[in-house]
Protein backbone atom coordinates (compact mmCIF):
# COMPACT_ATOMS: atom_id res chain seq x y z
CA UNK A 1 11.21 -13.58 16.90
CA UNK A 2 8.44 -16.05 17.71
CA UNK A 3 7.74 -18.81 15.20
CA UNK A 4 5.52 -21.91 15.20
CA UNK A 5 7.46 -25.08 14.40
CA UNK A 6 7.05 -28.84 14.35
CA UNK A 7 9.83 -31.41 14.11
CA UNK A 8 7.34 -34.20 13.37
CA UNK A 9 3.90 -34.27 11.75
CA UNK A 10 2.09 -36.86 13.83
CA UNK A 11 -0.35 -34.44 15.48
CA UNK A 12 -0.90 -30.77 16.22
CA UNK A 13 0.71 -31.49 19.59
CA UNK A 14 4.04 -31.61 17.75
CA UNK A 15 3.85 -27.85 17.19
CA UNK A 16 5.21 -25.25 19.59
CA UNK A 17 6.06 -21.56 19.66
CA UNK A 18 9.84 -21.25 19.47
CA UNK A 19 12.35 -18.41 19.44
CA UNK A 20 14.37 -17.92 16.26
CA UNK A 21 16.59 -15.33 14.64
CA UNK A 22 14.87 -12.82 12.38
CA UNK A 23 15.69 -13.96 8.81
CA UNK A 24 17.74 -11.79 6.47
CA UNK A 25 16.32 -11.17 2.98
CA UNK A 26 18.40 -12.37 0.07
CA UNK A 27 18.33 -11.34 -3.55
CA UNK A 28 14.77 -10.60 -4.77
CA UNK A 29 13.36 -11.29 -1.30
CA UNK A 30 11.20 -9.17 0.97
CA UNK A 31 11.08 -9.44 4.75
CA UNK A 32 7.58 -8.86 6.07
CA UNK A 33 6.48 -8.20 9.62
CA UNK A 34 3.41 -10.39 9.73
CA UNK A 35 0.07 -8.97 10.83
CA UNK A 36 -2.28 -11.83 9.92
CA UNK A 37 -2.29 -15.27 8.27
CA UNK A 38 -5.15 -16.92 6.44
CA UNK A 39 -5.81 -20.52 7.49
CA UNK A 40 -7.71 -22.97 5.30
CA UNK A 41 -8.44 -26.67 5.22
CA UNK A 42 -5.35 -27.39 3.13
CA UNK A 43 -3.08 -25.59 5.64
CA UNK A 44 -4.52 -27.74 8.42
CA UNK A 45 -4.22 -30.92 6.33
CA UNK A 46 -0.59 -30.09 5.51
CA UNK A 47 0.18 -29.35 9.15
CA UNK A 48 -1.08 -32.83 10.02
CA UNK A 49 1.09 -34.43 7.34
CA UNK A 50 -1.95 -35.64 5.41
CA UNK A 51 -1.67 -33.50 2.28
CA UNK A 52 -0.55 -35.07 -0.99
CA UNK A 53 2.73 -33.10 -0.84
CA UNK A 54 4.68 -33.67 2.40
CA UNK A 55 6.52 -30.59 3.69
CA UNK A 56 10.14 -30.80 4.84
CA UNK A 57 10.95 -30.69 8.55
CA UNK A 58 11.08 -28.64 10.68
CA UNK A 59 7.81 -27.25 9.37
CA UNK A 60 6.04 -23.96 10.02
CA UNK A 61 2.40 -23.63 8.81
CA UNK A 62 1.02 -20.66 6.94
CA UNK A 63 1.22 -19.83 3.25
CA UNK A 64 -0.84 -16.65 2.92
CA UNK A 65 -0.35 -13.47 4.93
CA UNK A 66 -0.62 -9.74 5.23
CA UNK A 67 1.67 -7.32 6.99
CA UNK A 68 4.19 -4.52 6.60
CA UNK A 69 7.48 -4.60 4.71
CA UNK A 70 10.35 -4.60 7.19
CA UNK A 71 13.36 -4.91 4.87
CA UNK A 72 14.24 -5.46 1.22
CA UNK A 73 16.88 -7.70 -0.29
CA UNK A 74 18.88 -6.72 -3.35
CA UNK A 75 17.21 -6.27 -6.73
CA UNK A 76 13.75 -5.62 -5.29
CA UNK A 77 11.89 -2.86 -7.10
CA UNK A 78 8.46 -1.30 -6.68
CA UNK A 79 8.17 -1.87 -2.94
CA UNK A 80 9.31 0.09 0.11
CA UNK A 81 9.81 -0.50 3.85
CA UNK A 82 6.69 0.32 5.84
CA UNK A 83 4.34 -0.56 2.95
CA UNK A 84 1.22 -2.60 3.65
CA UNK A 85 1.33 -5.81 1.61
CA UNK A 86 -0.22 -9.23 1.14
CA UNK A 87 1.88 -12.18 0.11
CA UNK A 88 2.35 -15.88 -0.44
CA UNK A 89 5.20 -17.32 1.60
CA UNK A 90 6.34 -20.49 3.30
CA UNK A 91 6.10 -20.56 7.08
CA UNK A 92 3.93 -17.53 7.77
CA UNK A 93 3.04 -18.54 11.36
CA UNK A 94 5.86 -16.28 12.52
CA UNK A 95 6.46 -12.67 13.47
CA UNK A 96 8.66 -12.18 10.40
CA UNK A 97 8.76 -14.08 7.13
CA UNK A 98 10.64 -13.91 3.83
CA UNK A 99 8.72 -13.83 0.54
CA UNK A 100 9.83 -13.72 -3.06
CA UNK A 101 9.29 -10.36 -4.76
CA UNK A 102 6.85 -11.89 -7.26
CA UNK A 103 4.69 -13.21 -4.44
CA UNK A 104 4.25 -9.83 -2.75
CA UNK A 105 1.65 -7.24 -3.71
CA UNK A 106 0.50 -3.99 -2.12
CA UNK A 107 -2.55 -4.53 0.08
CA UNK A 108 -5.53 -2.64 -1.36
CA UNK A 109 -6.47 0.34 0.78
CA UNK A 110 -10.05 -0.78 1.51
CA UNK A 111 -8.90 -4.05 3.11
CA UNK A 112 -8.00 -4.70 6.73
CA UNK A 113 -5.01 -6.94 7.42
CA UNK A 114 -7.41 -9.78 8.27
CA UNK A 115 -9.28 -9.36 4.97
CA UNK A 116 -6.06 -9.12 2.96
CA UNK A 117 -4.73 -12.31 4.57
CA UNK A 118 -7.63 -14.31 3.14
CA UNK A 119 -7.78 -12.91 -0.37
CA UNK A 120 -5.20 -14.43 -2.65
CA UNK A 121 -5.50 -18.21 -2.40
CA UNK A 122 -9.29 -18.39 -2.29
CA UNK A 123 -10.08 -15.80 -4.94
CA UNK A 124 -7.28 -16.84 -7.29
CA UNK A 125 -8.54 -20.43 -7.05
CA UNK A 126 -12.09 -19.33 -7.79
CA UNK A 127 -11.16 -17.22 -10.80
CA UNK A 128 -8.77 -19.82 -12.22
CA UNK A 129 -11.48 -22.47 -11.92
CA UNK A 130 -14.36 -20.45 -13.28
CA UNK A 131 -12.49 -18.58 -16.03
CA UNK A 132 -9.59 -20.77 -17.15
CA UNK A 133 -11.01 -24.22 -16.51
CA UNK A 134 -14.80 -23.85 -16.84
CA UNK A 135 -14.82 -20.98 -19.37
CA UNK A 136 -17.81 -19.53 -17.53
CA UNK A 137 -19.99 -17.25 -19.65
CA UNK A 138 -22.30 -14.44 -18.49
CA UNK A 139 -25.83 -15.73 -17.91
CA UNK A 140 -24.74 -19.26 -17.05
CA UNK A 141 -25.71 -20.88 -13.76
CA UNK A 142 -23.16 -22.06 -11.19
CA UNK A 143 -23.70 -24.45 -8.29
CA UNK A 144 -21.18 -23.86 -5.48
CA UNK A 145 -20.57 -26.53 -2.84
CA UNK A 146 -19.07 -25.58 0.52
CA UNK A 147 -20.53 -22.18 -0.21
CA UNK A 148 -19.98 -20.69 3.25
CA UNK A 149 -16.27 -21.61 3.38
CA UNK A 150 -13.45 -19.38 2.24
CA UNK A 151 -13.14 -20.85 -1.25
CA UNK A 152 -16.91 -21.19 -1.62
CA UNK A 153 -17.51 -17.54 -0.77
CA UNK A 154 -14.80 -16.54 -3.24
CA UNK A 155 -16.52 -18.63 -5.93
CA UNK A 156 -19.89 -17.00 -5.22
CA UNK A 157 -18.52 -13.48 -5.48
CA UNK A 158 -16.29 -14.23 -8.47
CA UNK A 159 -19.08 -15.95 -10.41
CA UNK A 160 -21.37 -12.98 -9.74
CA UNK A 161 -18.66 -10.60 -10.94
CA UNK A 162 -18.49 -12.66 -14.15
CA UNK A 163 -22.24 -12.30 -14.73
CA UNK A 164 -23.43 -15.73 -13.61
CA UNK A 165 -26.39 -16.79 -11.46
CA UNK A 166 -25.26 -18.68 -8.34
CA UNK A 167 -26.85 -21.47 -6.32
CA UNK A 168 -25.11 -22.02 -2.99
CA UNK A 169 -25.09 -25.47 -1.36
CA UNK A 170 -24.39 -25.59 2.38
CA UNK A 171 -25.13 -27.93 5.26
CA UNK A 172 -26.90 -25.62 7.75
CA UNK A 173 -29.45 -22.85 7.62
CA UNK A 174 -26.92 -20.43 9.12
CA UNK A 175 -24.36 -21.24 6.42
CA UNK A 176 -26.98 -20.89 3.68
CA UNK A 177 -28.02 -17.50 5.05
CA UNK A 178 -24.37 -16.45 5.08
CA UNK A 179 -23.99 -17.56 1.45
CA UNK A 180 -26.99 -15.43 0.49
CA UNK A 181 -25.34 -12.47 2.20
CA UNK A 182 -22.30 -13.04 -0.02
CA UNK A 183 -24.38 -12.72 -3.18
CA UNK A 184 -25.86 -16.16 -3.88
CA UNK A 185 -29.14 -15.96 -5.83
CA UNK A 186 -30.52 -19.19 -4.38
CA UNK A 187 -29.52 -21.77 -1.78
CA UNK A 188 -29.94 -25.50 -1.31
CA UNK A 189 -29.25 -27.90 1.56
CA UNK A 190 -27.00 -30.95 1.29
CA UNK A 191 -29.33 -33.67 2.58
CA UNK A 192 -28.94 -36.48 -0.01
CA UNK A 193 -32.56 -37.74 0.12
CA UNK A 194 -34.47 -36.02 -2.70
CA UNK A 195 -31.60 -33.62 -3.35
CA UNK A 196 -31.71 -33.75 -7.15
CA UNK A 197 -35.40 -32.86 -7.16
CA UNK A 198 -34.75 -29.87 -4.91
CA UNK A 199 -31.88 -28.78 -7.11
CA UNK A 200 -34.06 -28.98 -10.18
CA UNK A 201 -36.60 -26.75 -8.46
CA UNK A 202 -34.13 -24.01 -7.47
CA UNK A 203 -32.16 -24.20 -10.72
CA UNK A 204 -35.03 -24.45 -13.16
CA UNK A 205 -33.39 -27.62 -14.45
CA UNK A 206 -30.21 -25.90 -15.60
CA UNK A 207 -26.73 -26.25 -14.04
CA UNK A 208 -23.88 -25.18 -16.31
CA UNK A 209 -20.94 -25.25 -13.90
CA UNK A 210 -20.34 -26.94 -10.55
CA UNK A 211 -17.63 -25.48 -8.31
CA UNK A 212 -16.80 -28.29 -5.89
CA UNK A 213 -14.19 -27.99 -3.11
CA UNK A 214 -16.04 -30.70 -1.16
CA UNK A 215 -16.42 -33.71 -3.51
CA UNK A 216 -18.51 -35.45 -0.89
CA UNK A 217 -21.60 -37.71 -0.91
CA UNK A 218 -23.42 -35.55 -3.49
CA UNK A 219 -20.62 -35.74 -6.06
CA UNK A 220 -22.32 -38.29 -8.32
CA UNK A 221 -25.78 -36.73 -7.99
CA UNK A 222 -24.38 -33.31 -8.80
CA UNK A 223 -22.62 -34.48 -11.96
CA UNK A 224 -25.79 -36.24 -13.09
CA UNK A 225 -27.64 -32.93 -12.67
CA UNK A 226 -25.39 -31.03 -15.07
CA UNK A 227 -26.88 -29.59 -18.23
CA UNK A 228 -25.57 -30.46 -21.68
CA UNK A 229 -21.91 -29.34 -21.96
CA UNK A 230 -21.76 -28.78 -18.21
CA UNK A 231 -18.45 -28.58 -16.35
CA UNK A 232 -17.83 -30.04 -12.90
CA UNK A 233 -14.80 -28.41 -11.26
CA UNK A 234 -12.90 -30.61 -8.81
CA UNK A 235 -11.28 -28.15 -6.40
CA UNK A 236 -10.67 -30.23 -3.27
CA UNK A 237 -11.79 -33.11 -1.09
CA UNK A 238 -13.06 -31.67 2.17
CA UNK A 239 -15.95 -34.13 2.08
CA UNK A 240 -13.95 -37.22 3.06
CA UNK A 241 -12.95 -40.18 0.84
CA UNK A 242 -12.25 -39.26 -2.77
CA UNK A 243 -15.32 -40.19 -4.85
CA UNK A 244 -15.34 -41.92 -8.22
CA UNK A 245 -17.49 -41.35 -11.29
CA UNK A 246 -18.61 -43.69 -14.07
CA UNK A 247 -16.90 -42.45 -17.21
CA UNK A 248 -19.94 -43.05 -19.41
CA UNK A 249 -21.69 -40.16 -17.65
CA UNK A 250 -19.36 -37.66 -19.29
CA UNK A 251 -20.44 -39.03 -22.66
CA UNK A 252 -24.16 -39.08 -21.91
CA UNK A 253 -24.10 -35.52 -20.51
CA UNK A 254 -21.62 -34.14 -23.03
CA UNK A 255 -20.03 -32.88 -19.82
CA UNK A 256 -16.52 -32.50 -18.43
CA UNK A 257 -14.92 -33.31 -15.10
CA UNK A 258 -12.17 -30.71 -14.71
CA UNK A 259 -9.40 -30.40 -12.13
CA UNK A 260 -8.51 -27.07 -10.52
CA UNK A 261 -5.05 -26.88 -8.91
CA UNK A 262 -3.85 -23.36 -8.10
CA UNK A 263 -0.36 -24.49 -7.06
CA UNK A 264 0.40 -26.06 -10.44
CA UNK A 265 -1.36 -23.24 -12.31
CA UNK A 266 1.00 -20.71 -10.69
CA UNK A 267 3.98 -22.84 -11.71
CA UNK A 268 2.95 -23.57 -15.29
CA UNK A 269 1.07 -20.40 -16.30
CA UNK A 270 2.48 -17.50 -14.26
CA UNK A 271 1.60 -14.88 -16.89
CA UNK A 272 -2.07 -15.93 -16.92
CA UNK A 273 -2.09 -16.01 -13.12
CA UNK A 274 -0.71 -12.47 -13.01
CA UNK A 275 -3.47 -11.23 -15.32
CA UNK A 276 -6.09 -12.98 -13.21
CA UNK A 277 -4.77 -11.35 -10.03
CA UNK A 278 -4.84 -7.93 -11.68
CA UNK A 279 -8.50 -8.47 -12.57
CA UNK A 280 -9.30 -9.53 -9.00
CA UNK A 281 -7.75 -6.31 -7.69
CA UNK A 282 -9.78 -4.27 -10.17
CA UNK A 283 -13.04 -5.98 -9.10
CA UNK A 284 -12.05 -5.43 -5.49
CA UNK A 285 -11.49 -1.73 -6.01
CA UNK A 286 -14.92 -1.28 -7.58
CA UNK A 287 -16.64 -3.25 -4.85
CA UNK A 288 -17.52 -6.43 -6.76
CA UNK A 289 -15.50 -8.50 -4.28
CA UNK A 290 -15.48 -8.22 -0.49
CA UNK A 291 -13.54 -10.99 1.28
CA UNK A 292 -15.29 -11.73 4.58
CA UNK A 293 -13.32 -12.66 7.67
CA UNK A 294 -14.23 -15.73 9.69
CA UNK A 295 -13.07 -16.49 13.19
CA UNK A 296 -9.83 -14.78 14.26
CA UNK A 297 -7.32 -16.46 16.62
CA UNK A 298 -4.24 -14.94 18.28
CA UNK A 299 -0.90 -16.54 17.40
CA UNK A 300 -0.75 -18.26 20.78
CA UNK A 301 -3.88 -20.21 19.82
CA UNK A 302 -2.46 -21.52 16.55
CA UNK A 303 -3.45 -25.12 17.34
CA UNK A 304 -7.06 -24.10 17.92
CA UNK A 305 -7.00 -22.17 14.64
CA UNK A 306 -5.76 -25.20 12.70
CA UNK A 307 -8.29 -27.50 14.37
CA UNK A 308 -11.09 -25.06 13.60
CA UNK A 309 -10.09 -24.69 9.94
CA UNK A 310 -9.87 -28.47 9.64
CA UNK A 311 -13.31 -29.01 11.22
CA UNK A 312 -15.29 -27.23 8.51
CA UNK A 313 -17.58 -25.73 11.15
CA UNK A 314 -16.81 -22.10 10.47
CA UNK A 315 -17.71 -19.67 7.72
CA UNK A 316 -15.39 -17.61 5.51
CA UNK A 317 -11.62 -17.65 6.05
CA UNK A 318 -10.15 -18.49 9.44
CA UNK A 319 -7.39 -16.04 10.38
CA UNK A 320 -4.47 -16.08 12.81
CA UNK A 321 -3.63 -12.57 14.02
CA UNK A 322 0.11 -12.40 14.62
CA UNK A 323 0.49 -8.72 15.52
CA UNK A 324 -1.54 -5.52 15.72
CA UNK A 325 0.16 -3.26 13.21
C-alpha cells in the first residue's frame, strides 16, 4: 500500500509517499480502506514537529478519516467488512489504516466520505467546549472566533443546535458570508481598532460565551467584553504567540477562562464523550448539523494539503482524498 511517512520533522520536505505492507488487525482492531482524511491546523502543526506533543518517528500524519472496513481483528463486534465508517486513528495518510474498535463508528447515511472525514474532531470539540466546559444554556449568546474554519463552523452549528444566538468573527468578508451560511445570526470583522464598540453594537452588549480556537490579538479585548459570569473557552492558538490575561479581570467580570482539550477529555471522561457523540449523530440525522467540506486534495498532494491547512486561508475542513470508494 501507499503511505505518507517522515523520518524527521524539520519540514514538510521530509515527507514522502512510500510503499509498505498492508497492516494486519490485532485484537479489537479494525482495518479500514481509507477514502478521505480530515486535515486541520493541529495536524499540520504536528507534522511540522511544532505541536506540544511530539510524535514518534517515523511519522505518518492524519488522525481522522472515513472509509470502508476491509478486515476485522478478533473480538470486534457490531461492525462488518464492507461497512462505511468514520474513525479516529494514527497515521491515516495511507491507503489502509488500523483503528481501535472504540474509535470506529458507522458513517451516517446522509454524509459523503469527505463530510464524514471532517466530523468527529471538530464537532466533538465544539460540543465538549460548549456543553461540558461552558455549560451553555438556551438563549445565551456565543461569540465564535475563527468562525469560517472547521472548528469554528462546528461551534456555530452546535451552539445553534443548543438554542444559542451566535456572533461569528472572521477576518474577511468572504469568510463572514460563509459563517452566515452556516447559521451565524450576526458577524463581525477582526480589525482591532474600535472592535469592542462594534461588538457591543452587534451583540447588544451581551456576550455569555466566547469560543476561541484563535487566541490572537483580540484575546484581551474579547475577555473584557464578556458579560457577568461569562466564559471564555480557550480551544487553540492559531493566532500566533500565546496571549496572557491579567487575573484581576476574572474577578471584575465574575468570568472564567476555561480550557478545552478534546484529547484529554477522551482519555479522562470516555463515557461522557460517548454520550456527546451519540447526541451529535442524533442532531446530524435530523438536519441540525451539516459538516461542510473545504478544499479537497488528492493523496499525492499531501504536502499542499498540510500547507493549506496550516495557512488558515481556507474555509471549513480541508480534506485529503485517498481513494474513490
